[in-house]
Protein backbone atom coordinates (compact mmCIF):
# COMPACT_ATOMS: atom_id res chain seq x y z
CA MET A 1 99.62 102.59 77.78
CA THR A 2 95.70 103.44 78.72
CA GLU A 3 95.40 107.11 79.25
CA PRO A 4 94.57 108.45 82.96
CA THR A 5 90.79 108.12 83.57
CA ALA A 6 89.95 107.83 87.28
CA ARG A 7 91.63 108.78 90.40
CA ILE A 8 89.15 106.41 92.48
CA GLY A 9 89.19 102.58 91.88
CA ILE A 10 86.69 99.93 93.14
CA ILE A 11 87.10 96.30 93.14
CA GLY A 12 83.59 94.21 93.73
CA GLY A 13 83.67 91.07 95.70
CA SER A 14 81.00 88.37 95.97
CA GLY A 15 77.57 89.87 95.14
CA LEU A 16 78.99 93.15 94.03
CA TYR A 17 79.20 92.81 90.13
CA GLN A 18 78.13 96.00 88.94
CA MET A 19 78.02 99.56 90.65
CA GLU A 20 74.78 101.16 90.64
CA GLY A 21 74.27 104.92 90.64
CA PHE A 22 77.11 105.33 88.10
CA GLU A 23 76.42 108.39 85.50
CA SER A 24 78.06 108.21 81.91
CA ALA A 25 79.28 104.53 82.04
CA GLU A 26 81.65 103.20 79.52
CA GLU A 27 82.95 99.63 79.51
CA LEU A 28 87.00 99.47 78.70
CA THR A 29 88.56 96.20 78.01
CA ILE A 30 92.37 96.52 79.01
CA ASP A 31 95.12 94.58 78.27
CA THR A 32 98.44 94.48 80.77
CA PRO A 33 101.74 93.15 80.74
CA PHE A 34 100.42 90.44 83.18
CA GLY A 35 97.41 89.25 81.14
CA SER A 36 93.96 90.43 81.16
CA PRO A 37 91.82 91.71 84.09
CA SER A 38 88.80 89.71 85.77
CA ASP A 39 86.45 91.60 83.25
CA VAL A 40 85.82 94.92 81.62
CA VAL A 41 86.30 98.02 83.87
CA THR A 42 83.62 100.07 83.71
CA ILE A 43 84.61 103.76 83.90
CA GLY A 44 81.82 106.37 85.24
CA ARG A 45 80.83 109.25 87.61
CA LEU A 46 79.88 108.33 90.93
CA THR A 47 78.31 111.66 92.96
CA GLY A 48 80.16 113.48 90.42
CA MET A 49 83.67 111.74 90.68
CA PRO A 50 85.18 110.00 87.91
CA VAL A 51 85.29 105.96 89.35
CA ALA A 52 86.69 102.51 87.98
CA PHE A 53 85.03 99.69 88.95
CA LEU A 54 86.16 96.21 88.51
CA PRO A 55 84.23 92.59 89.30
CA ARG A 56 87.03 90.55 91.25
CA HIS A 57 85.41 87.38 90.56
CA GLY A 58 84.22 88.40 86.83
CA ARG A 59 80.37 89.14 86.16
CA GLY A 60 78.31 85.70 86.90
CA HIS A 61 81.02 84.86 89.62
CA ARG A 62 83.16 82.63 87.25
CA ILE A 63 86.53 83.21 88.97
CA MET A 64 87.86 81.47 92.15
CA PRO A 65 89.75 82.83 94.63
CA THR A 66 93.07 81.80 93.59
CA GLU A 67 92.55 82.00 90.04
CA ILE A 68 91.95 85.98 90.33
CA PRO A 69 94.53 87.70 87.71
CA VAL A 70 95.30 89.87 90.79
CA ARG A 71 98.27 91.57 89.12
CA ALA A 72 96.63 92.26 85.71
CA ASN A 73 93.52 93.77 88.08
CA ILE A 74 95.87 96.14 89.84
CA TYR A 75 98.01 96.98 87.02
CA ALA A 76 94.92 97.92 85.17
CA MET A 77 93.77 100.17 87.77
CA LYS A 78 97.30 102.03 87.88
CA GLN A 79 97.25 102.60 84.02
CA LEU A 80 93.98 104.16 84.44
CA GLY A 81 95.41 106.52 87.01
CA VAL A 82 93.83 104.95 90.13
CA GLU A 83 95.39 106.49 93.17
CA TRP A 84 92.30 105.17 95.74
CA LEU A 85 91.52 101.83 95.78
CA ILE A 86 88.49 100.50 97.90
CA SER A 87 88.13 96.51 98.04
CA VAL A 88 84.49 95.49 98.89
CA SER A 89 84.89 91.73 99.95
CA ALA A 90 82.87 88.95 101.95
CA VAL A 91 84.21 88.04 105.35
CA GLY A 92 83.67 85.44 108.04
CA SER A 93 83.26 87.02 111.43
CA LEU A 94 85.90 85.64 114.07
CA ARG A 95 84.72 88.07 116.92
CA GLU A 96 81.36 87.77 118.93
CA GLU A 97 81.11 91.55 118.70
CA VAL A 98 80.98 91.52 114.54
CA ARG A 99 77.68 90.38 113.70
CA PRO A 100 76.72 89.23 110.51
CA LEU A 101 75.73 92.18 108.32
CA ASP A 102 78.09 94.44 109.98
CA MET A 103 80.82 96.10 108.21
CA VAL A 104 84.55 96.02 109.15
CA VAL A 105 87.52 98.23 107.95
CA PRO A 106 90.65 96.58 108.87
CA ASP A 107 94.11 97.86 109.57
CA GLN A 108 96.15 94.46 109.40
CA LEU A 109 96.22 91.34 107.70
CA ILE A 110 97.82 87.72 108.20
CA ASP A 111 98.84 86.12 105.15
CA ARG A 112 97.97 82.21 104.88
CA THR A 113 97.67 82.17 100.89
CA ARG A 114 100.13 79.64 99.41
CA LEU A 115 99.57 79.54 95.69
CA ARG A 116 99.27 82.82 94.38
CA GLU A 117 101.93 85.43 92.31
CA ASN A 118 102.08 88.35 94.89
CA THR A 119 104.87 90.87 93.63
CA PHE A 120 105.22 92.81 90.28
CA PHE A 121 108.84 92.04 90.97
CA GLY A 122 111.48 89.41 90.19
CA ASN A 123 112.98 88.43 86.76
CA GLY A 124 115.81 90.79 86.88
CA ILE A 125 114.50 93.35 89.39
CA ALA A 126 114.14 93.15 93.11
CA ALA A 127 112.21 95.50 95.15
CA HIS A 128 110.94 95.67 98.94
CA ILE A 129 108.06 97.78 99.78
CA PRO A 130 107.37 98.52 103.49
CA PHE A 131 104.24 96.81 104.55
CA GLY A 132 103.87 97.42 108.23
CA ASP A 133 100.52 98.76 107.74
CA PRO A 134 99.14 97.15 104.90
CA PHE A 135 95.84 99.24 104.14
CA CYS A 136 96.05 103.09 103.88
CA PRO A 137 95.19 104.83 107.34
CA ASP A 138 94.01 107.65 105.49
CA LEU A 139 91.85 106.12 103.02
CA SER A 140 90.61 103.64 105.76
CA ALA A 141 89.39 106.30 107.94
CA LEU A 142 87.67 108.07 105.41
CA LEU A 143 86.08 104.64 104.58
CA ALA A 144 84.81 104.36 108.13
CA ASN A 145 83.65 107.42 108.19
CA ALA A 146 81.63 107.22 105.35
CA ALA A 147 79.88 104.01 106.81
CA ARG A 148 79.24 106.09 109.80
CA THR A 149 77.46 108.76 107.96
CA GLU A 150 75.66 106.29 106.11
CA GLU A 151 74.41 104.93 109.63
CA VAL A 152 76.19 101.28 108.82
CA THR A 153 77.05 99.20 111.80
CA ILE A 154 81.00 99.76 111.35
CA HIS A 155 84.29 98.45 113.12
CA GLN A 156 87.28 100.22 112.47
CA GLY A 157 90.45 98.46 113.14
CA GLY A 158 91.10 94.63 113.39
CA THR A 159 92.97 92.13 111.80
CA CYS A 160 92.05 90.08 108.81
CA VAL A 161 93.18 86.67 107.86
CA VAL A 162 93.40 86.02 104.16
CA MET A 163 93.09 82.16 103.56
CA GLU A 164 93.76 80.21 100.17
CA GLY A 165 90.50 78.62 99.71
CA PRO A 166 87.98 77.94 98.10
CA ALA A 167 86.86 75.59 100.93
CA PHE A 168 86.20 77.33 104.29
CA SER A 169 88.15 76.85 107.39
CA THR A 170 88.00 73.87 109.61
CA LYS A 171 86.98 74.49 113.20
CA ALA A 172 90.72 74.03 114.39
CA GLU A 173 91.77 76.43 112.21
CA SER A 174 88.88 78.79 112.93
CA HIS A 175 89.83 78.70 116.78
CA LEU A 176 93.51 79.12 116.00
CA TYR A 177 92.81 82.43 114.09
CA ARG A 178 90.58 83.79 117.02
CA SER A 179 93.45 82.86 119.38
CA TRP A 180 95.75 84.93 117.43
CA GLY A 181 93.21 88.10 117.87
CA ALA A 182 92.14 88.14 114.35
CA SER A 183 88.48 89.70 113.77
CA VAL A 184 87.59 88.56 110.21
CA ILE A 185 88.85 86.23 107.77
CA GLY A 186 88.46 86.19 104.04
CA MET A 187 89.88 84.81 100.74
CA THR A 188 90.97 87.91 98.57
CA ALA A 189 92.60 91.06 100.19
CA LEU A 190 95.71 89.35 99.31
CA PRO A 191 97.83 89.80 97.40
CA GLU A 192 95.58 92.64 96.32
CA ALA A 193 97.01 94.88 99.22
CA LYS A 194 100.47 94.12 98.30
CA LEU A 195 100.19 94.71 94.94
CA ALA A 196 98.45 98.13 95.41
CA ARG A 197 101.54 99.11 97.84
CA GLU A 198 103.70 98.06 95.02
CA ALA A 199 101.93 100.12 92.66
CA GLU A 200 101.89 103.34 94.82
CA ILE A 201 97.82 102.98 95.07
CA CYS A 202 96.19 103.72 98.46
CA TYR A 203 93.90 100.70 99.28
CA ALA A 204 91.39 99.80 101.79
CA LEU A 205 89.20 97.31 102.63
CA LEU A 206 85.17 97.48 103.26
CA ALA A 207 84.42 93.96 104.79
CA SER A 208 81.10 92.77 104.75
CA ALA A 209 80.66 89.93 107.60
CA THR A 210 78.41 87.39 106.13
CA ASP A 211 78.66 84.79 109.17
CA TYR A 212 80.65 83.70 112.15
CA ASP A 213 82.91 81.24 110.20
CA VAL A 214 82.75 77.66 111.92
CA TRP A 215 83.86 78.51 115.40
CA HIS A 216 80.41 79.76 117.27
CA GLU A 217 79.05 77.10 118.60
CA SER A 218 75.22 78.42 118.67
CA ALA A 219 75.56 80.00 115.10
CA ASP A 220 74.68 77.83 111.64
CA PRO A 221 78.05 77.08 110.42
CA VAL A 222 79.23 79.12 107.27
CA SER A 223 77.93 78.11 103.66
CA VAL A 224 77.49 79.58 100.38
CA GLU A 225 73.69 79.68 100.91
CA MET A 226 74.16 81.86 104.28
CA VAL A 227 76.98 83.91 102.70
CA LEU A 228 74.98 84.89 99.28
CA ALA A 229 71.55 85.63 101.37
CA ASN A 230 73.51 87.89 103.64
CA LEU A 231 75.69 89.31 100.90
CA LEU A 232 72.67 90.42 98.98
CA LYS A 233 71.36 92.43 102.35
CA ASN A 234 74.56 94.25 102.38
CA MET A 235 75.45 95.27 98.97
CA THR A 236 72.82 98.05 99.38
CA SER A 237 74.56 99.71 102.24
CA SER A 238 78.11 98.76 100.88
CA GLN A 239 77.29 100.89 97.56
CA ARG A 240 75.52 103.67 99.85
CA VAL A 241 78.86 103.88 101.46
CA LEU A 242 80.99 103.96 98.78
CA ARG A 243 78.60 106.89 97.22
CA SER A 244 79.23 109.05 100.52
CA LEU A 245 82.79 108.29 99.96
CA ALA A 246 83.75 109.42 96.59
CA PRO A 247 83.38 113.08 97.03
CA ARG A 248 85.58 112.80 100.13
CA LEU A 249 88.56 111.82 97.89
CA ASP A 250 89.09 114.80 96.01
CA TYR A 251 92.14 116.27 97.41
CA GLN A 252 95.78 115.14 96.45
CA ARG A 253 97.47 112.64 98.92
CA GLN A 254 99.67 112.78 101.87
CA CYS A 255 100.42 109.16 102.90
CA VAL A 256 103.52 107.07 102.38
CA CYS A 257 101.37 105.03 100.01
CA ALA A 258 102.13 107.44 97.42
CA HIS A 259 105.94 106.90 97.36
CA ALA A 260 106.34 103.33 98.73
CA LEU A 261 108.73 102.70 95.77
CA GLU A 262 111.07 105.64 96.28
CA LYS A 263 113.54 103.61 98.04
CA ALA A 264 112.18 100.05 97.56
CA VAL A 265 114.02 99.08 94.22
CA ILE A 266 117.30 97.43 95.22
CA THR A 267 118.52 96.39 91.91
CA SER A 268 121.06 98.72 90.26
CA ARG A 269 119.60 100.72 87.48
CA ASP A 270 122.25 99.78 84.87
CA TYR A 271 121.28 96.13 85.33
CA ILE A 272 117.71 96.33 84.88
CA GLN A 273 116.93 95.35 81.06
CA PRO A 274 114.99 97.58 78.66
CA GLU A 275 112.10 94.72 78.52
CA VAL A 276 111.62 95.06 82.36
CA LYS A 277 111.44 98.47 82.11
CA GLN A 278 109.00 98.38 79.66
CA ARG A 279 106.63 95.63 81.37
CA LEU A 280 106.68 97.92 84.58
CA GLN A 281 106.33 101.27 83.01
CA ALA A 282 102.92 102.32 84.67
CA ILE A 283 104.61 101.45 87.95
CA LEU A 284 108.16 102.31 87.96
CA GLY A 285 108.67 104.89 84.93
CA LYS A 286 109.21 107.82 87.29
CA TYR A 287 111.76 106.38 89.30
CA ILE A 288 113.82 104.41 86.36
């Protein structure tokens, strides 16, 4: 198992393939029981704090949303000692007031994915985590405050719909999600959020609005060109927010995320096979 290295992790989405401002950066190739992560993990110091950075889609954007090895990504962060994990992701806006180039720190999720492995458990062990509040409220509040400090237009709270992709929504789907009261739509916050909770890692999403999806009558419909153009404009802002956030995380966690598995494992300890215990050592070691 990899020795603990960083308490803060950042998973960069579309457009964020490397972290600017890293000092003493070192690349680590990590193996996990769930395969290899999306890319090497870069360890460095960001405003004095040790941080682990991983590009979700791999450098060069080689990995489609459904293909992301999410279990390996989250397990690798756990092996490195990450307790705070910030996801940076491109999203489409479902609300008029969330304009392209605005940022959102949502507090709820709707899962519309279908083809993804979304748990570390199974194969002889059952566990049911609490997930009523899918994002860590403490980390989300600190993230939103850091954005305000950097004078970034931020919307705190709201629901993120996570779709399977890779195609964008139909107009009917976009209007349906709006009728549900959702704020933004993306392709990657799940199963990341679920797996982070299973790993007892605090998780928050810095969502960068790039477009109005396809519901807006006067705006141009979403396209790859539009997403990429607005992503480039927002990446500088995202990295400023992350640099402001890092020193705010230098304290011991008090939230429920840190103990999410304490009562979640249903399987009798006598029935958990040694190979299962070994595979989940980084996550369950303190309990089994």
